[in-house]
């Protein structure tokens, strides 16, 4: 269960001091409002790092409330409207109400807390809003830059200045307040239900904290669990009582997910999905390697400067059940590993998929994907393995700025890779559309065709040609026809050097779909090309011999129509024969000292 696993991950993150304790959130707070015993603002202290475009000071503060359109104050830390009553949005009445609401919250939480810090806070909110004092203390330029930032309350006794939340009694008062259920004062009886997470009797939380960091979702955050209309509710339950869990459980799963999403080096974007992963033990090496498996379309290092061969070595060892020292961390193939893909849906988040297995199982499935997509490539192509983002990009027009990978297909491809199952038919359909439009088979597209049918076809003849390199012994007719088309094209290129429009541009799609209609035309063109005078007779003889060899395998059996699977075999035959031509030129300048012509 996703929620339960995230709650367990929260405990791990807290133990590693990577997540705040229950009732607190890690928030960027660049400024401290320093008040004295009388609640007077005496200084505004810059906090943290101000070297970048925006100041940064991530610290744990009392948990944030979920805001929509109403006024809701936070304890000890908030914006200028709540902490200082300043109108930064052209709504002075709203700013005044926000400051008033903030004062009421602090009086409610601290009403019976003794000590100078608590008394200073109560006095601060009794006074008129002190935004003019803050602006004077900061200076006009700094004040304007800080209007969208958070401010935290600090207390000074003249000798020391500290965060109010660390003062005696304040932390305990906040814990008591935060643990209350739905703002009740404890006098009423609240019905309990069985938690879907722990199975214990709990008072269900009606609203859960927001999830931030999912690409395409609202910047203010979106809900993973949300029931905001009567049609979604049942049995008289309101809001998130329909998926009952305690306030603490809701806090734990949302905090864990927000912390994981905040680590951008370990979050991948696959199509429209945001993919986050974690190991049960909490070690960063596992999601690091998982990120390298997916690659990065921006060329940015996922985490660490490791080359593809190192990633492949780690993957092979783990897939074989052997531990591996990776980037200073010993990875265990038996470690429990989780992969969660989230996609935005208005103000909510949808789960595209959630997979849990041992890390070794994921490595084994990834390594199988590597093998399936491995293919002979041109000399200039140094690809060790095909990254997921590049694989998906073969389904769209590369020159279009608006073309987008299908989100549903991307999710299905990822599930197939990670589960070691058949790739979705939507993948091969999309690749075939691009091949028909481009009238060419790129190395990446050939790799996809090979991988797809390795897992899908039951045709034994076809399986024999689903290899890394050409199978010159195969008599599988669609495959041989693809090779023959490549030879016909080579003959044209050699006979008419510099030709701009080849038979590939005019006939490739038709030849792959309806050979009986196109190949007689190609035969007549080939005969015309062979009658021309060639500069290199050795090249002519070699191509004629190869043509005759392939034509003998074909005979007069041109099929009327090829199925989608047979078209894939045709395209692989064409691709491999082309690669054999280029590799011959690279190895030696044969055929009267000349290799094949370049496209």
Protein backbone atom coordinates (compact mmCIF):
# COMPACT_ATOMS: atom_id res chain seq x y z
CA UNK A 1 0.00 0.00 0.00
CA UNK A 2 1.43 3.36 -1.05
CA UNK A 3 0.40 5.30 2.06
CA UNK A 4 1.72 2.67 4.45
CA UNK A 5 5.05 2.41 2.64
CA UNK A 6 5.44 6.20 2.66
CA UNK A 7 4.74 6.26 6.41
CA UNK A 8 7.54 3.72 6.88
CA UNK A 9 9.80 5.85 4.70
CA UNK A 10 8.98 8.85 6.91
CA UNK A 11 10.40 7.01 9.93
CA UNK A 12 13.60 6.29 7.96
CA UNK A 13 13.90 9.92 6.84
CA UNK A 14 13.46 11.18 10.41
CA UNK A 15 16.08 8.75 11.68
CA UNK A 16 18.51 10.15 9.10
CA UNK A 17 17.50 13.72 9.99
CA UNK A 18 16.23 14.27 6.46
CA UNK A 19 12.62 14.98 7.43
CA UNK A 20 11.12 17.16 10.19
CA UNK A 21 9.57 15.69 13.30
CA UNK A 22 5.82 15.23 13.50
CA UNK A 23 4.04 18.56 13.61
CA UNK A 24 6.79 20.45 11.77
CA UNK A 25 7.62 21.26 8.15
CA UNK A 26 10.89 22.19 6.48
CA UNK A 27 10.30 25.69 5.12
CA UNK A 28 12.44 28.41 3.57
CA UNK A 29 12.56 31.21 6.16
CA UNK A 30 15.06 33.97 5.25
CA UNK A 31 14.06 36.55 7.88
CA UNK A 32 13.64 36.69 11.65
CA UNK A 33 11.37 39.24 13.36
CA UNK A 34 13.14 39.98 16.64
CA UNK A 35 10.82 41.22 19.41
CA UNK A 36 11.50 42.33 22.99
CA UNK A 37 9.56 41.79 26.23
CA UNK A 38 6.98 44.41 25.29
CA UNK A 39 6.31 42.86 21.86
CA UNK A 40 8.12 45.67 20.06
CA UNK A 41 9.89 44.79 16.82
CA UNK A 42 13.51 45.77 17.40
CA UNK A 43 15.23 44.26 14.34
CA UNK A 44 14.77 42.11 11.25
CA UNK A 45 17.55 39.53 10.95
CA UNK A 46 18.56 38.00 7.61
CA UNK A 47 18.89 34.22 8.02
CA UNK A 48 20.70 31.71 5.86
CA UNK A 49 22.34 32.10 2.45
CA UNK A 50 21.73 35.31 0.50
CA UNK A 51 24.32 34.65 -2.22
CA UNK A 52 21.86 33.38 -4.83
CA UNK A 53 18.98 34.99 -6.68
CA UNK A 54 16.72 34.18 -3.73
CA UNK A 55 17.76 33.79 -0.10
CA UNK A 56 17.68 30.26 1.25
CA UNK A 57 17.28 29.10 4.84
CA UNK A 58 15.45 25.76 5.11
CA UNK A 59 14.53 25.09 8.74
CA UNK A 60 11.84 23.10 10.60
CA UNK A 61 8.90 25.25 11.69
CA UNK A 62 5.43 24.38 13.04
CA UNK A 63 3.45 22.57 10.35
CA UNK A 64 1.84 24.67 7.66
CA UNK A 65 -1.91 24.85 7.24
CA UNK A 66 -3.60 23.94 3.96
CA UNK A 67 -4.79 27.16 2.34
CA UNK A 68 -7.24 27.56 -0.52
CA UNK A 69 -9.08 30.87 -0.79
CA UNK A 70 -9.77 31.53 2.89
CA UNK A 71 -7.68 33.08 5.64
CA UNK A 72 -5.68 30.57 7.68
CA UNK A 73 -2.70 31.55 9.82
CA UNK A 74 0.45 29.60 10.63
CA UNK A 75 2.12 29.45 14.03
CA UNK A 76 5.35 31.46 14.57
CA UNK A 77 6.19 31.65 10.85
CA UNK A 78 4.29 33.20 7.97
CA UNK A 79 4.24 35.91 5.29
CA UNK A 80 4.09 39.71 5.73
CA UNK A 81 0.28 39.73 5.57
CA UNK A 82 -0.08 37.42 8.59
CA UNK A 83 2.99 38.38 10.64
CA UNK A 84 3.01 42.12 9.97
CA UNK A 85 -0.42 42.94 8.55
CA UNK A 86 1.09 44.38 5.38
CA UNK A 87 -0.95 44.50 2.17
CA UNK A 88 1.27 43.30 -0.69
CA UNK A 89 -1.59 42.37 -3.05
CA UNK A 90 -3.85 45.40 -3.13
CA UNK A 91 -6.21 44.01 -0.47
CA UNK A 92 -5.67 46.00 2.76
CA UNK A 93 -8.79 44.64 4.45
CA UNK A 94 -7.68 41.06 3.84
CA UNK A 95 -4.20 41.83 5.21
CA UNK A 96 -5.76 43.29 8.37
CA UNK A 97 -7.93 40.18 8.79
CA UNK A 98 -4.90 37.96 8.21
CA UNK A 99 -2.93 39.72 10.97
CA UNK A 100 -5.92 39.45 13.29
CA UNK A 101 -6.31 35.73 12.56
CA UNK A 102 -2.61 35.21 13.21
CA UNK A 103 -2.92 36.96 16.59
CA UNK A 104 -5.90 34.83 17.56
CA UNK A 105 -4.00 31.65 16.71
CA UNK A 106 -1.00 32.64 18.82
CA UNK A 107 -3.18 33.63 21.78
CA UNK A 108 -5.02 30.30 21.51
CA UNK A 109 -1.83 28.22 21.43
CA UNK A 110 0.06 30.24 24.07
CA UNK A 111 -2.81 31.29 26.36
CA UNK A 112 -1.51 29.46 29.45
CA UNK A 113 2.21 29.30 28.59
CA UNK A 114 4.42 31.12 31.05
CA UNK A 115 7.78 32.62 30.27
CA UNK A 116 9.04 35.83 28.66
CA UNK A 117 9.07 34.56 25.06
CA UNK A 118 5.41 33.54 25.10
CA UNK A 119 4.45 36.79 26.83
CA UNK A 120 6.39 38.78 24.20
CA UNK A 121 4.50 37.05 21.38
CA UNK A 122 1.14 37.78 22.99
CA UNK A 123 2.18 41.41 23.39
CA UNK A 124 3.36 41.55 19.76
CA UNK A 125 -0.10 40.68 18.47
CA UNK A 126 -1.89 43.01 20.89
CA UNK A 127 -0.03 45.95 19.37
CA UNK A 128 -0.89 47.44 16.00
CA UNK A 129 0.71 45.75 13.00
CA UNK A 130 4.38 46.78 12.85
CA UNK A 131 5.05 46.55 9.12
CA UNK A 132 6.19 50.17 8.90
CA UNK A 133 8.84 49.46 11.52
CA UNK A 134 9.95 46.37 9.61
CA UNK A 135 10.24 48.28 6.36
CA UNK A 136 12.30 51.01 8.03
CA UNK A 137 14.60 48.46 9.66
CA UNK A 138 15.14 46.52 6.42
CA UNK A 139 15.39 49.39 3.95
CA UNK A 140 13.09 49.87 0.99
CA UNK A 141 14.97 47.62 -1.45
CA UNK A 142 15.27 44.67 0.93
CA UNK A 143 11.67 45.10 2.03
CA UNK A 144 10.34 44.87 -1.52
CA UNK A 145 12.41 41.74 -2.16
CA UNK A 146 11.08 40.09 1.01
CA UNK A 147 7.35 40.53 0.39
CA UNK A 148 6.92 36.98 -0.91
CA UNK A 149 9.16 35.42 1.76
CA UNK A 150 8.49 33.89 5.16
CA UNK A 151 9.26 35.58 8.50
CA UNK A 152 9.80 33.79 11.79
CA UNK A 153 9.33 35.17 15.30
CA UNK A 154 12.44 35.46 17.47
CA UNK A 155 12.72 36.76 21.03
CA UNK A 156 15.58 38.73 22.57
CA UNK A 157 16.19 39.39 26.26
CA UNK A 158 18.89 41.89 25.39
CA UNK A 159 21.69 39.36 25.60
CA UNK A 160 20.49 36.44 23.48
CA UNK A 161 18.17 36.06 20.50
CA UNK A 162 16.42 32.74 19.89
CA UNK A 163 13.55 31.24 17.92
CA UNK A 164 10.39 31.50 20.00
CA UNK A 165 9.53 27.88 19.22
CA UNK A 166 12.57 26.74 21.23
CA UNK A 167 11.47 28.56 24.40
CA UNK A 168 10.27 26.68 27.49
CA UNK A 169 6.66 25.58 27.18
CA UNK A 170 6.13 26.81 23.60
CA UNK A 171 7.05 23.53 21.88
CA UNK A 172 4.84 21.58 24.27
CA UNK A 173 1.95 23.98 23.72
CA UNK A 174 2.28 23.59 19.96
CA UNK A 175 2.28 19.78 20.25
CA UNK A 176 -0.92 19.85 22.31
CA UNK A 177 -2.56 22.21 19.84
CA UNK A 178 -1.44 20.30 16.75
CA UNK A 179 -2.62 16.97 18.18
CA UNK A 180 -6.15 18.24 18.66
CA UNK A 181 -8.62 16.88 16.14
CA UNK A 182 -10.33 19.24 13.69
CA UNK A 183 -10.05 22.24 15.96
CA UNK A 184 -12.12 20.68 18.74
CA UNK A 185 -11.51 21.64 22.34
CA UNK A 186 -11.70 18.06 23.57
CA UNK A 187 -15.10 18.44 25.24
CA UNK A 188 -17.09 16.72 22.49
CA UNK A 189 -17.11 13.02 21.67
CA UNK A 190 -15.46 12.24 18.34
CA UNK A 191 -16.27 9.00 16.56
CA UNK A 192 -13.32 6.78 15.70
CA UNK A 193 -12.91 4.52 12.69
CA UNK A 194 -10.43 1.88 11.58
CA UNK A 195 -7.39 3.36 9.83
CA UNK A 196 -6.73 2.06 6.35
CA UNK A 197 -3.01 2.45 7.08
CA UNK A 198 -2.42 0.94 10.49
CA UNK A 199 -5.66 -0.93 11.18
CA UNK A 200 -5.98 0.87 14.52
CA UNK A 201 -8.95 2.90 15.73
CA UNK A 202 -8.27 6.56 14.93
CA UNK A 203 -10.02 9.88 14.57
CA UNK A 204 -9.88 10.43 10.79
CA UNK A 205 -8.22 13.54 9.38
CA UNK A 206 -10.59 15.43 7.10
CA UNK A 207 -7.88 17.32 5.20
CA UNK A 208 -4.40 16.13 4.28
CA UNK A 209 -1.36 18.34 3.61
CA UNK A 210 -0.57 19.15 -0.02
CA UNK A 211 2.04 17.43 -2.18
CA UNK A 212 4.51 19.77 -3.89
CA UNK A 213 7.07 19.16 -6.61
CA UNK A 214 5.02 17.17 -9.13
CA UNK A 215 5.60 18.58 -12.63
CA UNK A 216 2.46 20.09 -14.11
CA UNK A 217 0.56 20.24 -10.81
CA UNK A 218 -0.33 23.45 -9.00
CA UNK A 219 2.73 25.16 -7.54
CA UNK A 220 0.92 25.55 -4.21
CA UNK A 221 0.58 21.80 -4.02
CA UNK A 222 -1.93 19.12 -4.98
CA UNK A 223 -3.73 16.35 -3.11
CA UNK A 224 -3.00 12.68 -3.40
CA UNK A 225 -6.09 11.85 -1.32
CA UNK A 226 -9.04 14.18 -1.75
CA UNK A 227 -12.86 14.03 -1.54
CA UNK A 228 -14.19 17.52 -2.18
CA UNK A 229 -17.69 16.89 -3.52
CA UNK A 230 -20.71 14.97 -2.13
CA UNK A 231 -20.64 12.63 -5.14
CA UNK A 232 -17.30 11.25 -3.96
CA UNK A 233 -18.49 10.55 -0.41
CA UNK A 234 -20.42 7.64 1.09
CA UNK A 235 -22.00 6.46 4.34
CA UNK A 236 -22.23 9.99 5.69
CA UNK A 237 -18.46 10.46 5.80
CA UNK A 238 -17.10 13.90 4.98
CA UNK A 239 -14.01 14.82 2.95
CA UNK A 240 -11.04 12.50 3.58
CA UNK A 241 -12.94 10.54 6.21
CA UNK A 242 -13.86 8.39 3.20
CA UNK A 243 -10.26 7.12 3.18
CA UNK A 244 -9.76 7.13 6.95
CA UNK A 245 -6.37 7.64 8.52
CA UNK A 246 -5.18 9.64 11.50
CA UNK A 247 -3.85 13.15 11.30
CA UNK A 248 -0.39 11.79 12.13
CA UNK A 249 -0.53 9.20 9.34
CA UNK A 250 -1.65 11.86 6.86
CA UNK A 251 1.23 14.07 7.98
CA UNK A 252 3.76 11.24 7.72
CA UNK A 253 2.96 10.10 4.19
CA UNK A 254 2.73 13.63 2.79
CA UNK A 255 5.92 14.75 4.51
CA UNK A 256 7.84 11.69 3.26
CA UNK A 257 6.63 12.26 -0.29
CA UNK A 258 7.43 15.98 -0.18
CA UNK A 259 10.96 15.28 1.07
CA UNK A 260 11.52 12.70 -1.68
CA UNK A 261 10.19 15.07 -4.35
CA UNK A 262 12.39 17.88 -3.08
CA UNK A 263 15.54 15.92 -3.98
CA UNK A 264 15.55 16.84 -7.68
CA UNK A 265 18.62 14.72 -8.44
CA UNK A 266 16.61 11.61 -7.60
CA UNK A 267 13.33 12.51 -9.29
CA UNK A 268 12.81 11.62 -12.96
CA UNK A 269 10.41 13.08 -15.49
CA UNK A 270 9.09 10.35 -17.82
CA UNK A 271 6.57 11.82 -20.25
CA UNK A 272 4.13 13.79 -18.10
CA UNK A 273 4.85 11.62 -15.07
CA UNK A 274 7.02 12.53 -12.11
CA UNK A 275 8.77 9.36 -10.93
CA UNK A 276 10.15 9.13 -7.42
CA UNK A 277 11.92 6.10 -5.97
CA UNK A 278 13.37 5.02 -2.64
CA UNK A 279 14.92 2.03 -0.90
CA UNK A 280 13.52 0.74 2.39
CA UNK A 281 16.90 1.28 4.06
CA UNK A 282 17.01 4.93 2.98
CA UNK A 283 20.45 4.78 1.28
CA UNK A 284 20.75 7.24 -1.59
CA UNK A 285 22.75 4.89 -3.83
CA UNK A 286 19.66 2.93 -4.83
CA UNK A 287 17.64 5.84 -6.30
CA UNK A 288 20.90 7.19 -7.75
CA UNK A 289 21.42 4.05 -9.82
CA UNK A 290 17.72 3.93 -10.70
CA UNK A 291 18.03 7.48 -12.03
CA UNK A 292 20.99 6.49 -14.19
CA UNK A 293 18.91 3.63 -15.59
CA UNK A 294 16.39 6.14 -16.88
CA UNK A 295 18.92 8.70 -18.11
CA UNK A 296 18.34 12.45 -18.27
CA UNK A 297 17.10 14.26 -21.41
CA UNK A 298 18.85 17.48 -20.39
CA UNK A 299 22.27 15.82 -20.23
CA UNK A 300 22.50 16.72 -16.53
CA UNK A 301 24.18 14.18 -14.29
CA UNK A 302 21.55 12.38 -12.29
CA UNK A 303 23.80 12.17 -9.25
CA UNK A 304 27.52 11.67 -9.54
CA UNK A 305 29.73 11.51 -12.60
CA UNK A 306 29.57 7.82 -13.48
CA UNK A 307 29.86 6.62 -17.06
CA UNK A 308 27.50 4.21 -18.77
CA UNK A 309 29.88 1.28 -18.50
CA UNK A 310 29.96 1.64 -14.69
CA UNK A 311 26.16 1.74 -14.59
CA UNK A 312 26.01 -1.35 -16.77
CA UNK A 313 28.51 -3.21 -14.59
CA UNK A 314 26.49 -2.40 -11.46
CA UNK A 315 23.29 -3.50 -13.16
CA UNK A 316 24.78 -6.81 -14.30
CA UNK A 317 26.12 -7.66 -10.84
CA UNK A 318 22.87 -6.84 -9.06
CA UNK A 319 20.78 -8.69 -11.65
CA UNK A 320 22.88 -11.80 -10.91
CA UNK A 321 22.22 -11.46 -7.18
CA UNK A 322 25.63 -10.09 -6.26
CA UNK A 323 26.11 -6.96 -4.07
CA UNK A 324 27.88 -4.05 -5.71
CA UNK A 325 29.87 -1.10 -4.39
CA UNK A 326 28.36 1.86 -6.20
CA UNK A 327 29.40 5.45 -5.60
CA UNK A 328 30.67 4.59 -2.13
CA UNK A 329 27.55 2.63 -1.09
CA UNK A 330 27.25 -1.15 -1.03
CA UNK A 331 24.05 -2.03 -2.85
CA UNK A 332 22.24 -5.19 -1.81
CA UNK A 333 20.15 -6.99 -4.47
CA UNK A 334 17.68 -8.11 -1.76
CA UNK A 335 16.90 -4.55 -0.64
CA UNK A 336 13.22 -3.59 -0.88
CA UNK A 337 12.75 -0.86 -3.49
CA UNK A 338 9.78 1.31 -4.43
CA UNK A 339 8.93 3.24 -7.61
CA UNK A 340 6.01 5.69 -7.63
CA UNK A 341 4.86 7.59 -10.73
CA UNK A 342 2.54 10.56 -10.19
CA UNK A 343 0.72 12.52 -12.87
CA UNK A 344 -1.10 15.84 -12.38
CA UNK A 345 -4.88 15.98 -12.65
CA UNK A 346 -6.15 19.51 -11.90
CA UNK A 347 -5.82 20.00 -8.12
CA UNK A 348 -5.27 16.28 -7.54
CA UNK A 349 -2.56 13.78 -8.28
CA UNK A 350 -3.13 10.46 -9.99
CA UNK A 351 -0.96 7.41 -9.48
CA UNK A 352 0.24 6.17 -12.86
CA UNK A 353 1.87 3.12 -11.30
CA UNK A 354 3.37 1.96 -8.04
CA UNK A 355 5.86 -0.90 -8.08
CA UNK A 356 7.55 -2.64 -5.16
CA UNK A 357 10.11 -5.43 -5.44
CA UNK A 358 13.70 -6.24 -4.55
CA UNK A 359 16.33 -4.01 -6.12
CA UNK A 360 17.91 -7.06 -7.71
CA UNK A 361 14.64 -7.88 -9.49
CA UNK A 362 14.43 -4.36 -10.89
CA UNK A 363 18.08 -4.64 -11.97
CA UNK A 364 17.39 -7.96 -13.68
CA UNK A 365 14.45 -6.49 -15.60
CA UNK A 366 16.44 -3.41 -16.53
CA UNK A 367 19.34 -5.54 -17.74
CA UNK A 368 16.94 -7.58 -19.84
CA UNK A 369 15.69 -4.31 -21.35
CA UNK A 370 19.28 -3.37 -22.13
CA UNK A 371 19.84 -6.70 -23.91
CA UNK A 372 16.58 -6.49 -25.82
CA UNK A 373 17.29 -2.97 -27.11
CA UNK A 374 20.97 -3.66 -27.86
CA UNK A 375 21.66 -3.41 -31.57
CA UNK A 376 24.46 -2.81 -34.06
CA UNK A 377 24.87 0.94 -34.47
CA UNK A 378 26.88 3.21 -36.79
CA UNK A 379 30.45 3.90 -35.75
CA UNK A 380 29.63 7.44 -34.63
CA UNK A 381 26.87 6.22 -32.28
CA UNK A 382 28.52 5.33 -28.96
CA UNK A 383 25.28 4.45 -27.15
CA UNK A 384 25.86 1.76 -24.53
CA UNK A 385 22.19 1.45 -23.64
CA UNK A 386 19.09 3.25 -24.83
CA UNK A 387 17.79 5.72 -22.20
CA UNK A 388 14.06 5.62 -21.54
CA UNK A 389 13.52 9.27 -22.50
CA UNK A 390 15.23 8.71 -25.86
CA UNK A 391 13.25 5.57 -26.50
CA UNK A 392 10.01 7.47 -25.89
CA UNK A 393 11.14 10.34 -28.11
CA UNK A 394 11.17 7.94 -31.08
CA UNK A 395 7.37 8.04 -30.98
CA UNK A 396 7.07 11.77 -31.77
CA UNK A 397 8.23 14.16 -34.48
CA UNK A 398 11.55 15.49 -33.26
CA UNK A 399 11.36 18.75 -35.20
CA UNK A 400 8.06 19.77 -33.61
CA UNK A 401 8.17 21.96 -30.52
CA UNK A 402 4.63 21.00 -29.56
CA UNK A 403 4.91 17.24 -29.97
CA UNK A 404 4.46 15.39 -26.68
CA UNK A 405 5.00 11.77 -25.74
CA UNK A 406 1.73 10.09 -24.82
CA UNK A 407 1.55 10.03 -21.03
CA UNK A 408 -0.39 6.75 -21.01
CA UNK A 409 2.10 5.09 -23.35
CA UNK A 410 5.10 6.38 -21.34
CA UNK A 411 3.65 4.90 -18.17
CA UNK A 412 2.92 1.58 -19.86
CA UNK A 413 6.47 1.42 -21.29
CA UNK A 414 8.00 2.09 -17.89
CA UNK A 415 5.87 -0.61 -16.27
CA UNK A 416 6.93 -3.08 -18.97
CA UNK A 417 10.61 -2.25 -18.46
CA UNK A 418 10.49 -2.48 -14.67
CA UNK A 419 8.28 -5.60 -14.59
CA UNK A 420 10.08 -7.37 -17.44
CA UNK A 421 6.83 -7.82 -19.37
CA UNK A 422 5.81 -7.21 -22.99
CA UNK A 423 6.05 -3.63 -24.21
CA UNK A 424 2.68 -2.00 -24.95
CA UNK A 425 1.30 -2.18 -28.49
CA UNK A 426 0.95 1.60 -28.41
CA UNK A 427 4.76 1.81 -28.51
CA UNK A 428 5.20 -0.16 -31.72
CA UNK A 429 2.21 1.56 -33.32
CA UNK A 430 3.69 5.00 -32.59
CA UNK A 431 7.15 3.98 -33.86
CA UNK A 432 5.65 2.56 -37.07
CA UNK A 433 3.80 5.81 -37.68
CA UNK A 434 7.06 7.73 -37.38
CA UNK A 435 8.89 5.31 -39.71
CA UNK A 436 6.14 5.64 -42.31
CA UNK A 437 6.26 9.42 -42.03
CA UNK A 438 10.07 9.67 -42.08
CA UNK A 439 10.61 6.76 -44.51
CA UNK A 440 13.68 5.66 -42.60
CA UNK A 441 14.70 3.34 -39.78
CA UNK A 442 17.02 4.97 -37.26
CA UNK A 443 19.16 2.89 -34.87
CA UNK A 444 16.87 3.72 -31.94
CA UNK A 445 13.74 2.74 -33.87
CA UNK A 446 15.37 -0.50 -35.02
CA UNK A 447 16.26 -1.25 -31.38
CA UNK A 448 12.62 -0.72 -30.37
CA UNK A 449 11.32 -2.99 -33.14
CA UNK A 450 13.77 -5.72 -32.10
CA UNK A 451 12.94 -5.40 -28.41
CA UNK A 452 9.19 -5.27 -28.91
CA UNK A 453 8.97 -8.42 -31.01
CA UNK A 454 11.48 -10.33 -28.89
CA UNK A 455 8.85 -10.23 -26.14
CA UNK A 456 5.80 -10.49 -28.36
CA UNK A 457 6.21 -12.68 -31.44
CA UNK A 458 5.51 -16.39 -31.57
CA UNK A 459 6.92 -16.69 -35.11
CA UNK A 460 10.06 -18.81 -34.85
CA UNK A 461 11.44 -17.54 -38.19
CA UNK A 462 11.07 -13.97 -37.00
CA UNK A 463 12.78 -14.77 -33.70
CA UNK A 464 15.85 -15.94 -35.64
CA UNK A 465 16.44 -12.43 -37.04
CA UNK A 466 15.81 -10.56 -33.78
CA UNK A 467 19.53 -10.28 -33.10
CA UNK A 468 22.08 -7.56 -32.55
CA UNK A 469 23.40 -7.87 -36.11
CA UNK A 470 22.31 -9.15 -39.50
CA UNK A 471 21.33 -12.77 -40.04
CA UNK A 472 22.49 -13.47 -43.59
CA UNK A 473 21.31 -17.10 -43.38
CA UNK A 474 17.67 -16.26 -42.77
CA UNK A 475 15.08 -17.03 -45.47
CA UNK A 476 12.28 -15.22 -43.63
CA UNK A 477 10.64 -13.47 -46.55
CA UNK A 478 9.76 -10.05 -45.02
CA UNK A 479 13.29 -9.79 -43.63
CA UNK A 480 14.87 -10.73 -46.98
CA UNK A 481 12.66 -8.21 -48.78
CA UNK A 482 13.91 -5.47 -46.45
CA UNK A 483 17.50 -6.42 -47.23
CA UNK A 484 16.71 -6.49 -50.96
CA UNK A 485 15.19 -2.99 -50.76
CA UNK A 486 18.43 -1.77 -49.19
CA UNK A 487 20.44 -3.33 -52.04
CA UNK A 488 18.19 -1.70 -54.64
CA UNK A 489 18.78 1.64 -52.92
CA UNK A 490 22.55 1.08 -52.88
CA UNK A 491 22.46 0.33 -56.60
CA UNK A 492 20.61 3.59 -57.26
CA UNK A 493 23.04 5.61 -55.13
CA UNK A 494 26.05 4.07 -56.89
CA UNK A 495 24.56 4.52 -60.36
CA UNK A 496 23.42 8.11 -59.80
CA UNK A 497 25.89 9.78 -57.38
CA UNK A 498 24.38 12.76 -55.58
CA UNK A 499 20.76 11.80 -56.29
CA UNK A 500 18.51 13.80 -53.98
CA UNK A 501 15.38 11.64 -54.04
CA UNK A 502 15.98 7.92 -53.69
CA UNK A 503 13.63 4.96 -53.93
CA UNK A 504 13.48 5.08 -50.13
CA UNK A 505 11.83 8.49 -50.25
CA UNK A 506 9.20 7.34 -52.76
CA UNK A 507 8.63 3.65 -52.13
CA UNK A 508 9.81 2.58 -48.67
CA UNK A 509 6.44 2.67 -46.91
CA UNK A 510 4.62 1.01 -49.81
CA UNK A 511 7.27 -1.68 -50.22
CA UNK A 512 7.00 -2.61 -46.52
CA UNK A 513 3.20 -2.80 -46.63
CA UNK A 514 2.39 -4.08 -50.15
CA UNK A 515 5.47 -5.74 -51.69
CA UNK A 516 3.58 -7.29 -54.64
CA UNK A 517 2.60 -3.84 -55.84
CA UNK A 518 5.94 -2.05 -55.30
CA UNK A 519 8.74 -4.56 -55.89
CA UNK A 520 8.06 -5.05 -59.63
CA UNK A 521 8.48 -1.28 -59.98
CA UNK A 522 11.71 -1.43 -57.99
CA UNK A 523 12.96 -4.29 -60.21
CA UNK A 524 12.48 -2.23 -63.35
CA UNK A 525 14.23 0.76 -61.80
CA UNK A 526 17.08 -1.44 -60.62
CA UNK A 527 17.57 -2.86 -64.14
CA UNK A 528 17.75 0.70 -65.50
CA UNK A 529 20.30 1.67 -62.88
CA UNK A 530 22.44 -1.38 -63.60
CA UNK A 531 22.59 -0.45 -67.32
CA UNK A 532 24.21 2.87 -66.48
CA UNK A 533 27.98 3.25 -66.60
CA UNK A 534 29.49 3.01 -63.10
CA UNK A 535 32.78 4.50 -62.03
CA UNK A 536 33.67 1.38 -60.03
CA UNK A 537 32.91 -1.91 -61.73
CA UNK A 538 33.89 -3.91 -58.65
CA UNK A 539 31.12 -2.23 -56.71
CA UNK A 540 28.68 -3.07 -59.48
CA UNK A 541 29.63 -6.77 -59.51
CA UNK A 542 29.36 -7.07 -55.71
CA UNK A 543 25.93 -5.47 -55.58
CA UNK A 544 24.69 -7.57 -58.49
CA UNK A 545 25.85 -10.72 -56.72
CA UNK A 546 24.10 -9.73 -53.49
CA UNK A 547 20.96 -8.80 -55.44
CA UNK A 548 20.92 -12.20 -57.13
CA UNK A 549 21.45 -14.01 -53.82
CA UNK A 550 18.50 -12.24 -52.18
CA UNK A 551 16.31 -12.45 -55.30
CA UNK A 552 16.82 -16.22 -55.33
CA UNK A 553 15.52 -16.40 -51.75
CA UNK A 554 12.50 -14.33 -52.70
CA UNK A 555 11.71 -16.04 -56.03
CA UNK A 556 8.39 -14.85 -57.37
CA UNK A 557 6.67 -14.92 -53.97
CA UNK A 558 6.03 -11.23 -53.41
CA UNK A 559 3.30 -11.07 -50.74
CA UNK A 560 0.24 -8.97 -51.49
CA UNK A 561 0.34 -7.44 -48.02
CA UNK A 562 2.56 -7.63 -44.94
CA UNK A 563 1.16 -7.56 -41.41
CA UNK A 564 2.44 -5.05 -38.85
CA UNK A 565 4.77 -7.71 -37.46
CA UNK A 566 6.06 -8.59 -40.92
CA UNK A 567 6.64 -4.91 -41.65
CA UNK A 568 8.83 -4.85 -38.54
CA UNK A 569 10.88 -7.70 -39.99
CA UNK A 570 11.14 -5.83 -43.31
CA UNK A 571 12.40 -2.70 -41.53
CA UNK A 572 14.98 -4.66 -39.54
CA UNK A 573 16.24 -6.35 -42.72
CA UNK A 574 16.60 -2.94 -44.37
CA UNK A 575 18.34 -1.47 -41.31
CA UNK A 576 20.83 -4.32 -40.88
CA UNK A 577 21.74 -4.44 -44.57
CA UNK A 578 22.44 -0.72 -44.47
CA UNK A 579 24.63 -1.11 -41.38
CA UNK A 580 26.53 -3.94 -43.08
CA UNK A 581 27.20 -1.61 -46.02
CA UNK A 582 28.56 1.14 -43.74
CA UNK A 583 30.64 -1.29 -41.67
CA UNK A 584 32.26 -2.66 -44.85
CA UNK A 585 33.32 0.84 -45.80
CA UNK A 586 34.74 1.48 -42.33
CA UNK A 587 36.70 -1.78 -42.23
CA UNK A 588 38.34 -1.52 -45.60
CA UNK A 589 38.10 0.45 -48.79
CA UNK A 590 37.15 -2.57 -50.90
CA UNK A 591 35.48 -2.73 -54.31
CA UNK A 592 38.29 -1.20 -56.40
CA UNK A 593 39.41 0.82 -53.41
CA UNK A 594 35.97 2.34 -52.85
CA UNK A 595 33.38 1.64 -50.19
CA UNK A 596 29.65 2.17 -50.27
CA UNK A 597 28.08 5.52 -50.98
CA UNK A 598 26.83 7.56 -48.06
CA UNK A 599 23.22 8.62 -47.73
